[in-house]
Amino acid sequence: MDTSYPREDYLPMTSHKRDSSPTAVTSTPPRDHLIWSIFNTIYMNFCCLGFVALTFSVKARDRKVAGDVEAARRFSSKARCYNVLATAGSVLLPLLLVALVVTGVLHLSKLAQDSVGFFSSQFSASDDEDK
């Protein structure tokens, strides 16, 4: 059963010595943000953005394993953007809803107090008599 992923046995051994030459450029592999995407997918956020982020995270991981660093970097960037949108939507929308409910309750309680004050007022005796 060949999964076409490089196994640890077949990976080239890398030296732990640092190359001090100025022409050596070491680039870190891009992050795939898979855990963040899984959390956003499970949380069931607005417009299923977590699922979209999970898709790009898996693509980034596949491209990273295949050795295509540039494609992995693009997919990783997209996954990060969708994760940020999903997290912001998951945090900001409930906070906005709570703020609207609180202000609505405060407004309705003020209206209720004003109406109770209006209906409980006593009219003077001179208003009741007909002359």
Protein backbone atom coordinates (compact mmCIF):
# COMPACT_ATOMS: atom_id res chain seq x y z
CA MET A 1 0.00 0.00 0.00
CA ASP A 2 1.77 3.11 -1.23
CA THR A 3 0.36 6.40 0.03
CA SER A 4 2.86 8.44 -2.03
CA TYR A 5 3.93 10.35 1.05
CA PRO A 6 7.63 10.26 1.80
CA ARG A 7 8.39 7.94 4.65
CA GLU A 8 10.88 8.75 7.38
CA ASP A 9 13.16 5.99 6.03
CA TYR A 10 13.45 7.69 2.66
CA LEU A 11 13.92 11.29 3.79
CA PRO A 12 17.41 12.63 3.15
CA MET A 13 19.47 13.10 6.25
CA THR A 14 20.09 16.73 7.01
CA SER A 15 23.17 17.95 8.73
CA HIS A 16 22.81 19.90 11.93
CA LYS A 17 25.77 22.10 11.00
CA ARG A 18 24.93 25.65 10.09
CA ASP A 19 26.17 27.01 6.82
CA SER A 20 27.61 30.41 7.53
CA SER A 21 27.84 31.48 3.91
CA PRO A 22 25.80 34.58 3.06
CA THR A 23 24.26 32.95 -0.02
CA ALA A 24 22.50 30.22 1.96
CA VAL A 25 18.81 30.98 2.30
CA THR A 26 16.89 28.82 4.70
CA SER A 27 13.15 29.04 4.45
CA THR A 28 10.89 27.55 7.03
CA PRO A 29 8.07 25.43 5.70
CA PRO A 30 4.70 27.19 5.83
CA ARG A 31 2.30 26.44 8.63
CA ASP A 32 -0.85 24.63 7.59
CA HIS A 33 -3.12 25.87 10.45
CA LEU A 34 -4.84 22.47 10.58
CA ILE A 35 -5.74 22.47 14.30
CA TRP A 36 -7.23 25.97 14.06
CA SER A 37 -9.24 24.89 11.01
CA ILE A 38 -10.54 21.78 12.76
CA PHE A 39 -11.65 23.88 15.72
CA ASN A 40 -13.45 26.34 13.43
CA THR A 41 -15.10 23.49 11.52
CA ILE A 42 -16.37 21.81 14.68
CA TYR A 43 -17.60 25.10 16.14
CA MET A 44 -20.00 25.49 13.17
CA ASN A 45 -19.37 29.14 12.51
CA PHE A 46 -20.95 31.64 10.15
CA CYS A 47 -21.17 30.55 6.46
CA CYS A 48 -19.10 27.38 7.05
CA LEU A 49 -15.85 29.33 6.79
CA GLY A 50 -14.18 26.78 9.06
CA PHE A 51 -14.81 24.03 6.52
CA VAL A 52 -13.32 26.15 3.75
CA ALA A 53 -10.29 26.84 5.96
CA LEU A 54 -9.98 23.11 6.68
CA THR A 55 -9.96 22.38 2.96
CA PHE A 56 -7.13 24.83 2.34
CA SER A 57 -5.24 23.54 5.39
CA VAL A 58 -5.34 19.99 4.08
CA LYS A 59 -4.23 21.20 0.65
CA ALA A 60 -1.36 23.13 2.26
CA ARG A 61 -0.27 20.06 4.20
CA ASP A 62 -0.42 17.89 1.07
CA ARG A 63 1.63 20.37 -0.95
CA LYS A 64 4.16 20.70 1.89
CA VAL A 65 4.60 16.92 2.05
CA ALA A 66 4.90 16.75 -1.75
CA GLY A 67 7.66 19.37 -1.62
CA ASP A 68 5.84 22.19 -3.43
CA VAL A 69 6.62 24.94 -0.93
CA GLU A 70 5.22 27.82 -2.99
CA ALA A 71 1.79 26.18 -3.43
CA ALA A 72 1.83 25.19 0.24
CA ARG A 73 2.52 28.82 1.14
CA ARG A 74 -0.44 30.04 -0.99
CA PHE A 75 -2.85 27.48 0.48
CA SER A 76 -1.57 28.22 3.98
CA SER A 77 -2.20 31.93 3.48
CA LYS A 78 -5.75 31.27 2.30
CA ALA A 79 -6.38 28.91 5.22
CA ARG A 80 -5.14 31.56 7.66
CA CYS A 81 -7.41 34.23 6.11
CA TYR A 82 -10.49 32.00 6.30
CA ASN A 83 -9.61 30.99 9.86
CA VAL A 84 -9.33 34.64 10.88
CA LEU A 85 -12.71 35.41 9.29
CA ALA A 86 -14.30 32.35 10.90
CA THR A 87 -12.88 33.16 14.33
CA ALA A 88 -13.86 36.83 14.10
CA GLY A 89 -17.37 35.87 13.02
CA SER A 90 -17.64 33.30 15.79
CA VAL A 91 -16.58 35.83 18.42
CA LEU A 92 -18.03 39.11 17.15
CA LEU A 93 -21.48 37.97 16.05
CA PRO A 94 -22.48 36.54 19.45
CA LEU A 95 -21.06 39.63 21.18
CA LEU A 96 -23.08 41.85 18.86
CA LEU A 97 -26.19 39.80 19.55
CA VAL A 98 -25.68 40.05 23.32
CA ALA A 99 -25.16 43.82 23.05
CA LEU A 100 -28.37 44.21 21.03
CA VAL A 101 -30.37 42.10 23.49
CA VAL A 102 -29.03 44.05 26.49
CA THR A 103 -29.80 47.44 24.93
CA GLY A 104 -33.24 46.20 23.88
CA VAL A 105 -34.03 44.98 27.40
CA LEU A 106 -32.86 48.27 28.90
CA HIS A 107 -34.96 50.25 26.45
CA LEU A 108 -38.05 48.11 27.09
CA SER A 109 -37.64 48.36 30.87
CA LYS A 110 -37.47 52.16 30.59
CA LEU A 111 -40.63 52.15 28.44
CA ALA A 112 -42.36 49.88 30.95
CA GLN A 113 -41.48 52.18 33.85
CA ASP A 114 -42.78 55.22 31.95
CA SER A 115 -46.05 53.47 31.09
CA VAL A 116 -46.54 52.31 34.68
CA GLY A 117 -45.99 55.89 35.82
CA PHE A 118 -48.53 57.16 33.27
CA PHE A 119 -51.28 54.68 34.19
CA SER A 120 -50.79 55.00 37.94
CA SER A 121 -51.08 58.79 38.04
CA GLN A 122 -54.05 60.22 39.89
CA PHE A 123 -56.15 62.87 38.28
CA SER A 124 -57.16 65.82 40.42
CA ALA A 125 -60.72 66.19 41.66
CA SER A 126 -61.27 69.29 39.52
CA ASP A 127 -60.68 67.26 36.36
CA ASP A 128 -63.41 64.74 37.26
CA GLU A 129 -66.20 67.24 38.00
CA ASP A 130 -68.38 68.62 35.23
CA LYS A 131 -69.38 72.25 35.69
